[in-house]
Amino acid sequence: MPANGPVSLIRQTIYCFIPIMDLYAAYHVKKLRWYVLIILGVGLALTVITEAINPMQDIRYDQSVMLQNTEIDWTHVMLGDNPELAITTIIIHNAIVYAVAVYCIRKWSNRWNQNFTESF
């Protein structure tokens, strides 16, 4: 349920880093739809940029993904030919998404709390 009074900014910020709890934090201040739209938009935009920088290759199960003992090289399958660039882009992608999430939740939580301080 949405909050009946002021919300804790510290808790709301911590909730941004916990899966599902970030949705709860947005719902708590009645901004769930906006939050989902913003996070999905940012995520999709960053994915397009990431694909432009480091395009995923069409990986088939041929000799390039097989190790010497006939096991699949999962590092090559998941990260492609350049794992350093792939890991870097994953870290940058997550950092930007978390920064946007924290900014939105804190902004909306402050506004939510101001609604209660102004009414008293």
N, C-alpha and C. Protein backbone atom coordinates (compact mmCIF):
# COMPACT_ATOMS: atom_id res chain seq x y z
N MET A 1 0.82 -1.18 0.00
CA MET A 1 0.00 0.00 0.00
C MET A 1 0.86 1.24 0.00
N PRO A 2 0.40 2.29 -0.64
CA PRO A 2 1.15 3.54 -0.56
C PRO A 2 1.23 4.03 0.88
N ALA A 3 2.25 4.80 1.13
CA ALA A 3 2.48 5.29 2.49
C ALA A 3 1.39 6.27 2.90
N ASN A 4 1.06 6.23 4.20
CA ASN A 4 0.08 7.16 4.76
C ASN A 4 0.74 8.42 5.30
N GLY A 5 2.06 8.38 5.42
CA GLY A 5 2.79 9.51 5.96
C GLY A 5 4.13 9.64 5.27
N PRO A 6 5.03 10.40 5.87
CA PRO A 6 6.36 10.56 5.28
C PRO A 6 7.11 9.23 5.20
N VAL A 7 7.99 9.11 4.22
CA VAL A 7 8.79 7.89 4.04
C VAL A 7 10.25 8.19 4.37
N SER A 8 10.98 7.16 4.73
CA SER A 8 12.39 7.29 5.06
C SER A 8 13.21 7.31 3.77
N LEU A 9 13.98 8.37 3.56
CA LEU A 9 14.82 8.47 2.36
C LEU A 9 15.90 7.41 2.34
N ILE A 10 16.43 7.07 3.51
CA ILE A 10 17.48 6.05 3.58
C ILE A 10 16.93 4.70 3.16
N ARG A 11 15.78 4.33 3.69
CA ARG A 11 15.18 3.05 3.29
C ARG A 11 14.82 3.03 1.82
N GLN A 12 14.25 4.10 1.34
CA GLN A 12 13.87 4.17 -0.06
C GLN A 12 15.10 4.02 -0.96
N THR A 13 16.22 4.63 -0.55
CA THR A 13 17.46 4.52 -1.33
C THR A 13 17.99 3.09 -1.30
N ILE A 14 17.96 2.46 -0.14
CA ILE A 14 18.43 1.07 -0.04
C ILE A 14 17.55 0.16 -0.89
N TYR A 15 16.26 0.41 -0.89
CA TYR A 15 15.34 -0.42 -1.68
C TYR A 15 15.66 -0.36 -3.17
N CYS A 16 16.27 0.72 -3.63
CA CYS A 16 16.62 0.85 -5.06
C CYS A 16 17.60 -0.22 -5.51
N PHE A 17 18.41 -0.74 -4.60
CA PHE A 17 19.44 -1.71 -4.96
C PHE A 17 19.00 -3.15 -4.77
N ILE A 18 17.80 -3.36 -4.26
CA ILE A 18 17.29 -4.71 -4.03
C ILE A 18 16.21 -5.00 -5.07
N PRO A 19 16.37 -6.08 -5.85
CA PRO A 19 15.34 -6.40 -6.84
C PRO A 19 13.97 -6.56 -6.19
N ILE A 20 12.95 -6.15 -6.84
CA ILE A 20 11.56 -6.14 -6.43
C ILE A 20 11.29 -5.04 -5.40
N MET A 21 12.22 -4.81 -4.49
CA MET A 21 12.02 -3.76 -3.49
C MET A 21 12.09 -2.37 -4.14
N ASP A 22 12.79 -2.24 -5.26
CA ASP A 22 12.79 -0.96 -5.96
C ASP A 22 11.40 -0.65 -6.49
N LEU A 23 10.70 -1.67 -6.94
CA LEU A 23 9.31 -1.47 -7.38
C LEU A 23 8.42 -1.10 -6.19
N TYR A 24 8.69 -1.72 -5.05
CA TYR A 24 7.93 -1.39 -3.84
C TYR A 24 8.17 0.06 -3.43
N ALA A 25 9.43 0.50 -3.53
CA ALA A 25 9.75 1.89 -3.16
C ALA A 25 9.01 2.87 -4.06
N ALA A 26 8.93 2.56 -5.34
CA ALA A 26 8.19 3.43 -6.26
C ALA A 26 6.70 3.38 -5.98
N TYR A 27 6.19 2.20 -5.69
CA TYR A 27 4.77 2.06 -5.37
C TYR A 27 4.43 2.79 -4.07
N HIS A 28 5.37 2.79 -3.15
CA HIS A 28 5.17 3.41 -1.83
C HIS A 28 4.89 4.91 -1.95
N VAL A 29 5.43 5.55 -2.99
CA VAL A 29 5.20 6.98 -3.19
C VAL A 29 4.31 7.23 -4.42
N LYS A 30 3.58 6.22 -4.84
CA LYS A 30 2.62 6.29 -5.95
C LYS A 30 3.26 6.73 -7.27
N LYS A 31 4.41 6.17 -7.58
CA LYS A 31 5.09 6.48 -8.84
C LYS A 31 5.55 5.21 -9.57
N LEU A 32 4.87 4.10 -9.35
CA LEU A 32 5.31 2.83 -9.92
C LEU A 32 5.30 2.86 -11.44
N ARG A 33 4.24 3.36 -12.06
CA ARG A 33 4.17 3.37 -13.52
C ARG A 33 5.28 4.22 -14.13
N TRP A 34 5.50 5.39 -13.57
CA TRP A 34 6.57 6.24 -14.07
C TRP A 34 7.93 5.57 -13.91
N TYR A 35 8.13 4.95 -12.75
CA TYR A 35 9.41 4.28 -12.48
C TYR A 35 9.68 3.18 -13.49
N VAL A 36 8.69 2.34 -13.73
CA VAL A 36 8.87 1.25 -14.68
C VAL A 36 9.14 1.79 -16.08
N LEU A 37 8.40 2.80 -16.49
CA LEU A 37 8.63 3.39 -17.81
C LEU A 37 10.02 4.00 -17.94
N ILE A 38 10.46 4.72 -16.92
CA ILE A 38 11.77 5.37 -16.98
C ILE A 38 12.88 4.33 -16.98
N ILE A 39 12.81 3.34 -16.10
CA ILE A 39 13.87 2.33 -16.02
C ILE A 39 13.92 1.49 -17.29
N LEU A 40 12.76 1.11 -17.82
CA LEU A 40 12.76 0.36 -19.07
C LEU A 40 13.30 1.20 -20.22
N GLY A 41 12.92 2.47 -20.27
CA GLY A 41 13.42 3.35 -21.32
C GLY A 41 14.93 3.52 -21.27
N VAL A 42 15.44 3.78 -20.07
CA VAL A 42 16.89 3.94 -19.90
C VAL A 42 17.60 2.64 -20.24
N GLY A 43 17.06 1.52 -19.77
CA GLY A 43 17.67 0.22 -20.04
C GLY A 43 17.70 -0.11 -21.52
N LEU A 44 16.61 0.15 -22.21
CA LEU A 44 16.58 -0.12 -23.65
C LEU A 44 17.52 0.80 -24.42
N ALA A 45 17.56 2.07 -24.04
CA ALA A 45 18.47 3.01 -24.71
C ALA A 45 19.93 2.60 -24.51
N LEU A 46 20.26 2.21 -23.28
CA LEU A 46 21.63 1.79 -23.01
C LEU A 46 21.97 0.48 -23.73
N THR A 47 20.99 -0.39 -23.88
CA THR A 47 21.22 -1.63 -24.60
C THR A 47 21.52 -1.36 -26.07
N VAL A 48 20.81 -0.42 -26.66
CA VAL A 48 21.07 -0.06 -28.06
C VAL A 48 22.48 0.53 -28.19
N ILE A 49 22.85 1.39 -27.26
CA ILE A 49 24.20 1.98 -27.30
C ILE A 49 25.26 0.91 -27.10
N THR A 50 25.02 -0.02 -26.18
CA THR A 50 25.96 -1.10 -25.93
C THR A 50 26.12 -1.98 -27.16
N GLU A 51 25.03 -2.28 -27.82
CA GLU A 51 25.10 -3.09 -29.04
C GLU A 51 25.86 -2.37 -30.15
N ALA A 52 25.77 -1.05 -30.19
CA ALA A 52 26.52 -0.30 -31.20
C ALA A 52 28.02 -0.34 -30.90
N ILE A 53 28.38 -0.33 -29.61
CA ILE A 53 29.79 -0.35 -29.23
C ILE A 53 30.37 -1.75 -29.34
N ASN A 54 29.65 -2.73 -28.81
CA ASN A 54 30.14 -4.11 -28.75
C ASN A 54 29.04 -5.04 -29.25
N PRO A 55 28.89 -5.18 -30.57
CA PRO A 55 27.78 -5.99 -31.08
C PRO A 55 27.92 -7.46 -30.71
N MET A 56 26.78 -8.04 -30.38
CA MET A 56 26.76 -9.48 -30.10
C MET A 56 26.90 -10.23 -31.41
N GLN A 57 27.72 -11.24 -31.39
CA GLN A 57 27.91 -12.01 -32.60
C GLN A 57 26.95 -13.18 -32.60
N ASP A 58 26.65 -13.66 -33.77
CA ASP A 58 25.81 -14.84 -33.90
C ASP A 58 26.66 -16.04 -33.52
N ILE A 59 26.50 -16.49 -32.29
CA ILE A 59 27.34 -17.57 -31.78
C ILE A 59 26.69 -18.90 -32.08
N ARG A 60 27.38 -19.66 -32.86
CA ARG A 60 26.93 -21.03 -33.13
C ARG A 60 27.86 -21.95 -32.37
N TYR A 61 27.41 -23.13 -32.11
CA TYR A 61 28.22 -24.08 -31.36
C TYR A 61 29.19 -24.78 -32.30
N ASP A 62 30.22 -24.03 -32.68
CA ASP A 62 31.26 -24.61 -33.51
C ASP A 62 32.54 -24.68 -32.68
N GLN A 63 33.65 -24.81 -33.35
CA GLN A 63 34.91 -24.98 -32.64
C GLN A 63 35.33 -23.75 -31.85
N SER A 64 34.80 -22.57 -32.18
CA SER A 64 35.23 -21.36 -31.47
C SER A 64 34.69 -21.30 -30.05
N VAL A 65 33.60 -21.99 -29.76
CA VAL A 65 33.07 -21.98 -28.40
C VAL A 65 33.35 -23.28 -27.65
N MET A 66 34.05 -24.19 -28.28
CA MET A 66 34.36 -25.46 -27.63
C MET A 66 35.78 -25.42 -27.07
N LEU A 67 35.92 -25.92 -25.86
CA LEU A 67 37.24 -26.05 -25.27
C LEU A 67 37.87 -27.36 -25.75
N GLN A 68 39.08 -27.62 -25.31
CA GLN A 68 39.79 -28.80 -25.79
C GLN A 68 39.16 -30.10 -25.32
N ASN A 69 38.50 -30.09 -24.19
CA ASN A 69 37.90 -31.33 -23.68
C ASN A 69 36.42 -31.41 -24.01
N THR A 70 36.02 -30.84 -25.13
CA THR A 70 34.65 -30.85 -25.67
C THR A 70 33.61 -30.25 -24.74
N GLU A 71 34.01 -29.33 -23.90
CA GLU A 71 33.06 -28.58 -23.10
C GLU A 71 32.85 -27.21 -23.74
N ILE A 72 31.73 -26.60 -23.42
CA ILE A 72 31.42 -25.29 -23.99
C ILE A 72 32.16 -24.21 -23.21
N ASP A 73 32.76 -23.29 -23.91
CA ASP A 73 33.43 -22.14 -23.30
C ASP A 73 32.38 -21.06 -23.02
N TRP A 74 31.83 -21.07 -21.81
CA TRP A 74 30.73 -20.17 -21.47
C TRP A 74 31.16 -18.71 -21.42
N THR A 75 32.42 -18.46 -21.15
CA THR A 75 32.90 -17.08 -21.18
C THR A 75 32.76 -16.50 -22.59
N HIS A 76 33.11 -17.29 -23.58
CA HIS A 76 32.99 -16.83 -24.97
C HIS A 76 31.53 -16.71 -25.37
N VAL A 77 30.70 -17.63 -24.91
CA VAL A 77 29.28 -17.59 -25.26
C VAL A 77 28.61 -16.36 -24.66
N MET A 78 28.89 -16.05 -23.40
CA MET A 78 28.21 -14.95 -22.71
C MET A 78 28.80 -13.58 -23.01
N LEU A 79 30.13 -13.51 -23.17
CA LEU A 79 30.78 -12.21 -23.29
C LEU A 79 31.36 -11.94 -24.68
N GLY A 80 31.36 -12.89 -25.56
CA GLY A 80 31.83 -12.68 -26.92
C GLY A 80 33.34 -12.73 -27.03
N ASP A 81 33.84 -12.13 -28.09
CA ASP A 81 35.27 -12.17 -28.37
C ASP A 81 36.08 -11.23 -27.49
N ASN A 82 35.46 -10.20 -26.94
CA ASN A 82 36.16 -9.21 -26.13
C ASN A 82 35.53 -9.14 -24.74
N PRO A 83 35.90 -10.06 -23.84
CA PRO A 83 35.25 -10.09 -22.52
C PRO A 83 35.52 -8.85 -21.68
N GLU A 84 36.69 -8.22 -21.85
CA GLU A 84 37.00 -7.03 -21.06
C GLU A 84 36.03 -5.89 -21.40
N LEU A 85 35.79 -5.67 -22.68
CA LEU A 85 34.85 -4.63 -23.10
C LEU A 85 33.43 -4.98 -22.67
N ALA A 86 33.07 -6.25 -22.77
CA ALA A 86 31.72 -6.67 -22.38
C ALA A 86 31.49 -6.44 -20.88
N ILE A 87 32.45 -6.80 -20.06
CA ILE A 87 32.31 -6.60 -18.62
C ILE A 87 32.25 -5.12 -18.28
N THR A 88 33.07 -4.32 -18.95
CA THR A 88 33.07 -2.88 -18.73
C THR A 88 31.72 -2.27 -19.09
N THR A 89 31.16 -2.66 -20.21
CA THR A 89 29.86 -2.11 -20.61
C THR A 89 28.75 -2.57 -19.68
N ILE A 90 28.83 -3.79 -19.16
CA ILE A 90 27.83 -4.26 -18.19
C ILE A 90 27.89 -3.43 -16.92
N ILE A 91 29.10 -3.16 -16.44
CA ILE A 91 29.27 -2.37 -15.21
C ILE A 91 28.76 -0.94 -15.42
N ILE A 92 29.10 -0.34 -16.55
CA ILE A 92 28.65 1.03 -16.83
C ILE A 92 27.13 1.07 -16.98
N HIS A 93 26.57 0.09 -17.67
CA HIS A 93 25.12 0.00 -17.86
C HIS A 93 24.41 -0.07 -16.51
N ASN A 94 24.87 -0.96 -15.63
CA ASN A 94 24.24 -1.10 -14.31
C ASN A 94 24.42 0.16 -13.47
N ALA A 95 25.58 0.78 -13.54
CA ALA A 95 25.81 2.00 -12.76
C ALA A 95 24.86 3.11 -13.19
N ILE A 96 24.65 3.27 -14.48
CA ILE A 96 23.74 4.31 -14.96
C ILE A 96 22.30 4.01 -14.56
N VAL A 97 21.88 2.77 -14.70
CA VAL A 97 20.50 2.40 -14.33
C VAL A 97 20.28 2.61 -12.84
N TYR A 98 21.24 2.19 -12.00
CA TYR A 98 21.08 2.39 -10.56
C TYR A 98 21.09 3.88 -10.19
N ALA A 99 21.92 4.67 -10.86
CA ALA A 99 21.96 6.11 -10.58
C ALA A 99 20.62 6.76 -10.93
N VAL A 100 20.04 6.38 -12.05
CA VAL A 100 18.73 6.93 -12.43
C VAL A 100 17.66 6.48 -11.44
N ALA A 101 17.72 5.22 -11.02
CA ALA A 101 16.73 4.71 -10.06
C ALA A 101 16.82 5.47 -8.73
N VAL A 102 18.03 5.63 -8.22
CA VAL A 102 18.21 6.34 -6.95
C VAL A 102 17.75 7.79 -7.07
N TYR A 103 18.11 8.44 -8.17
CA TYR A 103 17.70 9.83 -8.37
C TYR A 103 16.18 9.96 -8.37
N CYS A 104 15.51 9.12 -9.15
CA CYS A 104 14.05 9.20 -9.25
C CYS A 104 13.37 8.92 -7.91
N ILE A 105 13.78 7.85 -7.25
CA ILE A 105 13.13 7.48 -5.98
C ILE A 105 13.37 8.55 -4.93
N ARG A 106 14.58 9.08 -4.83
CA ARG A 106 14.84 10.12 -3.83
C ARG A 106 14.07 11.40 -4.14
N LYS A 107 14.01 11.77 -5.42
CA LYS A 107 13.27 12.97 -5.81
C LYS A 107 11.79 12.81 -5.46
N TRP A 108 11.22 11.68 -5.83
CA TRP A 108 9.81 11.45 -5.56
C TRP A 108 9.52 11.29 -4.07
N SER A 109 10.45 10.70 -3.33
CA SER A 109 10.26 10.55 -1.89
C SER A 109 10.32 11.91 -1.20
N ASN A 110 11.25 12.77 -1.63
CA ASN A 110 11.30 14.13 -1.07
C ASN A 110 10.00 14.88 -1.34
N ARG A 111 9.50 14.78 -2.56
CA ARG A 111 8.25 15.45 -2.90
C ARG A 111 7.09 14.86 -2.09
N TRP A 112 7.09 13.55 -1.89
CA TRP A 112 6.07 12.89 -1.08
C TRP A 112 6.10 13.41 0.36
N ASN A 113 7.31 13.52 0.92
CA ASN A 113 7.45 14.01 2.29
C ASN A 113 7.05 15.49 2.40
N GLN A 114 7.33 16.28 1.37
CA GLN A 114 6.95 17.70 1.40
C GLN A 114 5.43 17.86 1.40
N ASN A 115 4.73 16.96 0.76
CA ASN A 115 3.26 17.03 0.78
C ASN A 115 2.72 16.92 2.20
N PHE A 116 3.39 16.15 3.05
CA PHE A 116 2.92 15.99 4.42
C PHE A 116 3.38 17.11 5.32
N THR A 117 4.55 17.70 5.06
CA THR A 117 5.01 18.80 5.91
C THR A 117 4.24 20.08 5.61
N GLU A 118 3.80 20.25 4.34
CA GLU A 118 3.04 21.43 3.98
C GLU A 118 1.62 21.40 4.54
N SER A 119 1.08 20.20 4.72
CA SER A 119 -0.31 20.10 5.17
C SER A 119 -0.45 20.32 6.67
N PHE A 120 0.67 20.29 7.40
CA PHE A 120 0.57 20.49 8.85
C PHE A 120 0.76 21.91 9.26
